[in-house]
Protein backbone atom coordinates (compact mmCIF):
# COMPACT_ATOMS: atom_id res chain seq x y z
CA MET A 1 -14.66 -0.72 -58.76
CA ALA A 2 -14.93 -0.60 -54.73
CA HIS A 3 -11.54 -0.85 -52.87
CA SER A 4 -11.01 -4.04 -50.98
CA ASN A 5 -8.67 -5.44 -48.15
CA ILE A 6 -7.27 -8.55 -47.55
CA SER A 7 -7.69 -8.95 -44.06
CA ILE A 8 -5.38 -10.88 -41.98
CA PHE A 9 -6.46 -10.84 -38.35
CA VAL A 10 -4.11 -10.66 -35.24
CA PRO A 11 -6.07 -11.00 -32.08
CA HIS A 12 -4.85 -9.07 -29.01
CA ALA A 13 -1.38 -9.12 -30.23
CA GLY A 14 0.33 -6.03 -29.08
CA CYS A 15 -2.56 -4.88 -26.99
CA PRO A 16 -0.89 -3.52 -23.76
CA HIS A 17 -4.42 -3.42 -21.79
CA ASN A 18 -7.54 -5.62 -21.79
CA CYS A 19 -9.94 -2.97 -22.75
CA ALA A 20 -13.26 -3.52 -20.83
CA PHE A 21 -15.39 -4.00 -24.11
CA CYS A 22 -12.95 -6.04 -25.85
CA ASP A 23 -12.70 -9.70 -26.92
CA GLN A 24 -10.86 -9.52 -30.10
CA ARG A 25 -10.78 -13.29 -30.42
CA THR A 26 -14.88 -13.86 -30.69
CA ILE A 27 -14.99 -10.35 -33.07
CA THR A 28 -12.44 -11.78 -35.53
CA SER A 29 -13.37 -15.62 -35.17
CA THR A 30 -9.69 -16.38 -34.83
CA GLU A 31 -7.30 -17.17 -31.96
CA LYS A 32 -3.91 -18.29 -33.40
CA PRO A 33 -1.49 -15.13 -34.18
CA PRO A 34 -0.54 -15.34 -38.14
CA ARG A 35 3.17 -15.89 -38.86
CA ALA A 36 4.83 -14.93 -42.32
CA ALA A 37 4.03 -18.14 -44.06
CA ASP A 38 0.51 -17.61 -42.94
CA VAL A 39 0.70 -13.91 -44.82
CA GLU A 40 2.34 -15.44 -47.62
CA ARG A 41 -0.24 -18.27 -48.26
CA ILE A 42 -3.11 -15.47 -47.75
CA CYS A 43 -1.82 -13.05 -50.24
CA THR A 44 -0.88 -15.87 -52.87
CA ALA A 45 -4.39 -17.04 -52.69
CA ALA A 46 -6.03 -13.64 -53.08
CA LEU A 47 -3.77 -12.58 -55.83
CA GLY A 48 -5.59 -15.32 -58.07
CA GLU A 49 -9.04 -14.43 -56.61
CA VAL A 50 -9.23 -10.85 -56.29
CA ARG A 51 -10.78 -8.78 -59.45
CA ASP A 52 -8.55 -5.68 -59.09
CA PRO A 53 -5.38 -5.89 -57.15
CA ALA A 54 -4.31 -2.22 -57.76
CA ASP A 55 -7.25 -1.44 -55.59
CA THR A 56 -6.45 -3.78 -52.93
CA GLU A 57 -4.74 -3.54 -49.58
CA ILE A 58 -3.37 -5.97 -47.39
CA ALA A 59 -4.98 -5.44 -43.79
CA PHE A 60 -3.64 -6.34 -40.77
CA PHE A 61 -6.56 -5.73 -38.49
CA GLY A 62 -7.59 -7.12 -34.88
CA GLY A 63 -4.64 -5.96 -32.71
CA SER A 64 -2.38 -3.09 -32.07
CA PHE A 65 -0.17 -3.78 -34.83
CA THR A 66 2.38 -1.16 -33.98
CA ALA A 67 2.54 -2.50 -30.18
CA VAL A 68 3.54 -5.93 -31.11
CA PRO A 69 7.36 -7.07 -30.43
CA ARG A 70 9.33 -5.12 -33.47
CA ARG A 71 10.74 -8.54 -34.46
CA TYR A 72 7.23 -9.91 -35.20
CA MET A 73 5.83 -6.69 -36.55
CA LEU A 74 8.63 -6.71 -39.33
CA GLU A 75 8.18 -10.47 -39.92
CA LEU A 76 4.61 -9.74 -40.89
CA LEU A 77 5.11 -6.54 -42.76
CA GLU A 78 8.41 -8.39 -44.67
CA ALA A 79 6.41 -11.19 -45.47
CA ALA A 80 4.00 -8.80 -47.34
CA GLN A 81 6.50 -6.81 -49.60
CA PRO A 82 6.56 -9.40 -52.52
CA PHE A 83 3.02 -8.82 -52.79
CA ILE A 84 2.96 -4.96 -53.42
CA GLY A 85 3.75 -3.28 -56.60
CA GLU A 86 2.94 -3.32 -60.23
CA GLY A 87 0.15 -6.10 -61.00
CA ARG A 88 -0.08 -6.73 -57.14
CA PHE A 89 -1.63 -5.07 -54.12
CA SER A 90 -1.64 -1.36 -53.71
CA GLY A 91 -0.24 -1.32 -50.32
CA ILE A 92 -0.64 -2.43 -46.64
CA ARG A 93 -3.49 -1.11 -44.32
CA ILE A 94 -3.13 -1.37 -40.55
CA SER A 95 -5.23 -0.85 -37.29
CA THR A 96 -3.38 0.38 -34.01
CA ARG A 97 -3.28 2.12 -30.69
CA PRO A 98 -2.92 6.20 -30.79
CA ASP A 99 -0.39 5.58 -28.16
CA TYR A 100 1.99 3.46 -30.18
CA ILE A 101 2.45 5.96 -33.30
CA ASP A 102 5.92 8.20 -33.34
CA GLU A 103 7.88 9.26 -35.85
CA GLU A 104 10.41 6.17 -35.60
CA ILE A 105 7.26 3.68 -36.08
CA LEU A 106 6.16 6.00 -39.00
CA ASP A 107 9.32 5.87 -40.85
CA ILE A 108 9.27 1.63 -40.49
CA LEU A 109 5.45 1.61 -41.99
CA LYS A 110 6.34 4.02 -44.93
CA ALA A 111 9.59 2.05 -45.69
CA HIS A 112 7.40 -1.13 -45.92
CA HIS A 113 4.63 0.25 -48.04
CA VAL A 114 2.15 0.69 -45.30
CA THR A 115 -0.60 3.29 -47.21
CA ALA A 116 -3.14 3.27 -44.38
CA ILE A 117 -3.29 3.78 -40.44
CA GLU A 118 -6.41 3.33 -38.56
CA LEU A 119 -6.34 4.58 -35.24
CA GLY A 120 -8.73 3.12 -32.46
CA ALA A 121 -9.50 6.55 -30.89
CA GLN A 122 -13.07 4.95 -29.49
CA SER A 123 -13.82 8.05 -27.66
CA MET A 124 -12.74 11.39 -27.16
CA SER A 125 -13.53 11.90 -23.67
CA ASP A 126 -10.92 10.81 -21.12
CA GLU A 127 -13.47 9.93 -18.84
CA VAL A 128 -14.99 7.67 -20.99
CA LEU A 129 -11.42 6.23 -22.05
CA GLU A 130 -10.38 5.72 -18.37
CA ALA A 131 -13.73 4.20 -17.30
CA ASN A 132 -13.42 1.59 -20.50
CA GLU A 133 -9.75 0.89 -19.19
CA ARG A 134 -8.38 2.35 -22.55
CA GLY A 135 -4.85 3.08 -21.51
CA HIS A 136 -4.57 6.27 -23.53
CA SER A 137 -6.03 9.79 -23.60
CA ALA A 138 -7.83 11.80 -25.83
CA LYS A 139 -4.66 13.86 -26.41
CA ASP A 140 -2.72 10.91 -27.66
CA ALA A 141 -5.48 10.23 -30.28
CA ALA A 142 -5.53 13.83 -31.69
CA TYR A 143 -1.46 13.81 -31.67
CA ALA A 144 -1.13 10.58 -33.35
CA ALA A 145 -3.57 11.82 -35.99
CA MET A 146 -1.85 15.06 -36.69
CA LEU A 147 1.62 12.61 -37.10
CA ILE A 148 0.13 10.54 -39.57
CA LYS A 149 -1.65 13.38 -41.36
CA SER A 150 1.64 15.54 -41.37
CA ARG A 151 3.57 12.65 -43.45
CA ARG A 152 1.42 13.24 -46.47
CA CYS A 153 1.78 9.49 -47.37
CA PHE A 154 -0.81 7.79 -45.18
CA GLN A 155 -4.50 7.61 -45.36
CA LEU A 156 -5.84 8.55 -41.82
CA GLY A 157 -8.46 6.30 -40.49
CA LEU A 158 -10.01 6.89 -37.26
CA GLN A 159 -12.46 4.40 -35.27
CA MET A 160 -15.34 5.18 -33.01
CA MET A 161 -17.08 3.34 -30.37
CA VAL A 162 -20.51 4.49 -29.74
CA GLY A 163 -22.47 3.91 -26.16
CA LEU A 164 -19.44 2.82 -24.14
CA TYR A 165 -19.55 2.63 -20.42
CA LYS A 166 -20.05 6.11 -18.63
CA SER A 167 -20.77 7.79 -22.07
CA THR A 168 -23.99 9.71 -22.78
CA PRO A 169 -25.85 10.74 -25.98
CA GLN A 170 -24.14 14.33 -25.57
CA GLU A 171 -20.54 13.00 -24.90
CA GLU A 172 -21.08 10.88 -28.17
CA ARG A 173 -22.16 14.17 -30.08
CA ARG A 174 -18.89 15.91 -28.69
CA SER A 175 -16.72 12.99 -29.37
CA TRP A 176 -18.01 12.82 -33.10
CA ARG A 177 -17.11 16.66 -33.41
CA ARG A 178 -13.62 16.22 -32.10
CA ILE A 179 -13.00 13.02 -34.30
CA ALA A 180 -14.30 14.73 -37.51
CA ALA A 181 -12.20 17.83 -36.80
CA LEU A 182 -9.03 16.03 -37.14
CA SER A 183 -10.02 15.28 -40.59
CA PRO A 184 -9.57 11.80 -41.29
CA ASP A 185 -9.88 10.22 -44.52
CA THR A 186 -12.18 7.52 -43.23
CA VAL A 187 -13.73 6.38 -40.14
CA ARG A 188 -15.40 3.29 -38.73
CA ILE A 189 -18.21 3.82 -36.47
CA TYR A 190 -18.61 0.53 -34.14
CA PRO A 191 -21.71 1.10 -31.79
CA VAL A 192 -20.74 -0.88 -28.63
CA VAL A 193 -22.04 -4.74 -28.42
CA ILE A 194 -21.50 -6.03 -24.94
CA LEU A 195 -19.80 -9.68 -25.01
CA GLU A 196 -19.94 -12.36 -22.50
CA GLY A 197 -16.41 -12.86 -20.82
CA THR A 198 -15.76 -8.85 -21.05
CA ARG A 199 -15.29 -6.36 -18.05
CA LEU A 200 -18.20 -4.81 -19.53
CA GLY A 201 -20.19 -7.61 -19.52
CA GLU A 202 -19.76 -7.72 -16.12
CA LEU A 203 -20.52 -4.14 -15.39
CA TYR A 204 -23.79 -4.84 -17.54
CA LYS A 205 -24.96 -7.93 -15.72
CA SER A 206 -24.41 -5.98 -12.21
CA GLY A 207 -26.48 -3.39 -13.43
CA GLU A 208 -23.96 -0.81 -13.30
CA TYR A 209 -23.85 -0.21 -16.76
CA GLN A 210 -26.97 0.62 -18.39
CA PRO A 211 -26.53 1.74 -22.08
CA PHE A 212 -28.99 4.25 -23.78
CA ASP A 213 -31.56 2.74 -25.78
CA PHE A 214 -31.02 1.23 -29.47
CA ASP A 215 -32.82 3.74 -30.87
CA THR A 216 -30.82 6.63 -29.54
CA ALA A 217 -27.78 4.64 -30.92
CA VAL A 218 -29.26 4.40 -34.36
CA GLU A 219 -30.30 8.38 -34.44
CA LEU A 220 -26.77 9.44 -33.32
CA CYS A 221 -25.08 7.26 -35.52
CA ALA A 222 -27.60 8.40 -38.53
CA GLY A 223 -26.27 12.07 -37.75
CA PHE A 224 -22.48 10.68 -37.77
CA LEU A 225 -23.01 9.58 -41.22
CA ALA A 226 -24.62 12.36 -42.44
CA ASP A 227 -22.08 14.81 -41.14
CA ALA A 228 -19.42 12.63 -42.38
CA GLU A 229 -20.67 12.84 -46.02
CA GLN A 230 -21.08 16.30 -45.86
CA ARG A 231 -17.13 16.96 -44.72
CA GLY A 232 -15.99 14.13 -47.47
CA ILE A 233 -15.04 11.39 -44.56
CA GLU A 234 -15.73 8.07 -45.73
CA VAL A 235 -17.52 5.77 -43.65
CA ILE A 236 -16.26 2.42 -44.44
CA LYS A 237 -17.88 0.61 -41.53
CA LEU A 238 -20.87 1.29 -39.23
CA GLY A 239 -21.69 -1.35 -36.93
CA LEU A 240 -20.18 -4.56 -36.04
CA HIS A 241 -19.48 -7.24 -38.75
CA ALA A 242 -22.30 -9.85 -38.64
CA SER A 243 -20.89 -13.05 -36.91
CA ARG A 244 -22.14 -16.21 -35.57
CA ASP A 245 -19.69 -16.00 -32.61
CA VAL A 246 -20.78 -12.48 -31.96
CA GLU A 247 -24.16 -13.20 -31.88
CA ALA A 248 -23.87 -16.38 -29.38
CA LYS A 249 -21.91 -14.15 -26.92
CA LYS A 250 -23.47 -10.67 -27.02
CA LEU A 251 -25.29 -9.72 -23.68
CA GLY A 252 -26.80 -6.64 -24.82
CA GLY A 253 -25.74 -3.33 -26.61
CA PHE A 254 -26.35 -2.30 -30.26
CA TYR A 255 -25.80 -5.38 -32.29
CA HIS A 256 -27.50 -5.67 -35.39
CA PRO A 257 -26.56 -7.31 -38.65
CA ALA A 258 -28.03 -4.54 -40.91
CA PHE A 259 -26.92 -1.58 -38.67
CA ARG A 260 -25.66 0.81 -41.30
CA GLU A 261 -28.99 -0.30 -43.21
CA LEU A 262 -30.91 1.38 -40.16
CA CYS A 263 -29.12 4.54 -40.12
CA GLU A 264 -29.43 5.03 -43.83
CA GLY A 265 -33.13 4.28 -43.45
CA ARG A 266 -33.28 6.60 -40.53
CA LEU A 267 -31.68 9.59 -42.93
CA TYR A 268 -34.16 8.85 -45.73
CA LEU A 269 -37.15 9.20 -43.28
CA ARG A 270 -35.86 12.57 -42.13
CA GLN A 271 -35.90 13.99 -45.24
CA MET A 272 -39.23 12.37 -46.34
CA VAL A 273 -40.93 13.75 -43.53
CA LYS A 274 -39.32 17.25 -44.32
CA GLU A 275 -40.45 16.94 -47.83
CA LEU A 276 -43.70 15.54 -47.22
CA THR A 277 -44.57 18.21 -44.69
CA ALA A 278 -43.75 20.83 -47.24
CA ALA A 279 -45.75 19.16 -49.75
CA GLY A 280 -48.91 18.82 -47.49
CA GLY A 281 -48.76 22.49 -46.86
CA GLY A 282 -47.29 22.36 -43.17
CA LYS A 283 -48.48 19.27 -42.28
CA LEU A 284 -48.23 15.64 -43.40
CA PRO A 285 -50.74 14.44 -45.67
CA LYS A 286 -53.00 11.42 -45.53
CA SER A 287 -51.38 9.73 -48.40
CA ALA A 288 -48.54 10.00 -50.60
CA VAL A 289 -46.92 7.97 -53.71
CA ILE A 290 -42.96 8.64 -53.89
CA ALA A 291 -40.92 7.84 -56.62
CA VAL A 292 -37.74 6.36 -55.53
CA PRO A 293 -34.30 5.23 -57.27
CA PRO A 294 -34.32 1.35 -57.64
CA LYS A 295 -31.07 1.47 -55.69
CA HIS A 296 -32.62 3.37 -52.99
CA MET A 297 -35.97 1.37 -52.50
CA SER A 298 -35.03 -0.60 -49.31
CA ARG A 299 -33.80 2.95 -47.90
CA ALA A 300 -36.96 4.40 -48.53
CA ALA A 301 -39.15 1.78 -47.26
CA GLY A 302 -36.86 1.04 -44.19
CA HIS A 303 -35.51 -2.18 -42.66
CA LYS A 304 -38.53 -4.58 -42.78
CA ARG A 305 -40.39 -1.78 -43.84
CA CYS A 306 -40.07 0.42 -40.73
CA ASN A 307 -40.21 3.87 -42.32
CA ALA A 308 -43.44 3.01 -44.20
CA GLU A 309 -44.78 2.02 -40.66
CA TYR A 310 -43.63 5.04 -39.05
CA LEU A 311 -45.27 7.42 -41.26
CA ARG A 312 -48.55 5.14 -41.11
CA THR A 313 -48.43 6.08 -37.28
CA LEU A 314 -48.16 9.56 -38.28
CA GLY A 315 -51.05 9.28 -40.35
CA THR A 316 -49.66 9.00 -43.71
CA GLN A 317 -49.98 6.01 -45.86
CA VAL A 318 -47.24 6.16 -48.58
CA ARG A 319 -46.72 4.09 -51.52
CA PHE A 320 -43.12 3.60 -53.05
CA ILE A 321 -42.66 3.19 -56.73
CA PRO A 322 -39.27 2.69 -58.69
CA ARG A 323 -37.99 5.22 -60.99
CA GLU A 324 -35.04 4.52 -63.46
CA GLY A 325 -32.66 7.04 -63.86
CA ALA A 326 -33.50 9.23 -61.01
CA GLU A 327 -30.94 10.25 -58.28
CA HIS A 328 -33.28 11.18 -55.42
CA PHE A 329 -36.60 10.32 -54.48
CA GLU A 330 -39.32 12.56 -55.52
CA ILE A 331 -43.21 13.08 -54.13
CA GLU A 332 -45.25 11.97 -56.99
CA GLN A 333 -48.69 12.68 -55.38
CA VAL A 334 -50.30 13.77 -52.04
CA GLU A 335 -53.64 13.68 -50.59
CA ASN A 336 -54.27 15.92 -47.78
CA ALA A 337 -56.76 15.01 -45.21
CA ASP A 338 -60.28 16.95 -45.30
């Protein structure tokens, strides 16, 4: 059974900085901060709807949860307490800033059944963080991650943004290596979406900020996804959640409603090219039949059959056939050029 969250959004609450990229009200499609009564209402409704409460967390997302006024943070946490325990939800997940984690805060979170803490690291480059008005350093993120891991009672999540102002593909790879080295349990990878009404939007419209191209973002994120899988890090989100509000306000960047599918398809393509080249005796064959597990058919063909089209441009016509019970694709037949 897949893990699930009961998401309660706290837009901009507690944020001490208005980061250059951020418009949480658009991203979360909400403006009014929740109160205790809202938490109780949402959790009561969810208990009757969720199939497996024991594998479900109450999640406070959208703001910097540990930076909100202490009384408000405790109001939300305490409102959630009656819904945690046997026959109810497993715990609480929060997202917050790295510079608002310390031993006292961790004591409070532990006492209120918080089970997972996600830190908005965004980048591990101080230059990029400063340029995007983030207000904390890469060292802050590393220190907060260490404190959380040392408690051994929290799951550590890290969030990364790809393509921020002043960043480069080389810098993204360095940031990913530093994030992965912190050994998080989970990561969320958000390719930047430039929104109207943000500082990043102003820089974009003036021409001062020119993101690298979309295909580079897909290639980078596909590589991070593959590396995370090898390290045993769960990528719980790759790409911004599809939203009419985001689509209405986006100016540029890397928004795509199926961004993860694009990345998974890119990884599949890499492996197919490698194995097709081997099957063709060191060069791509003229045509090939590839047997694919049914659940992977869309990955193999690519979003809107982009993988099949790319192979065609390289001179290889491919046909995908489903094979029940298979775990990986297999090259069934190749025809080499004369």
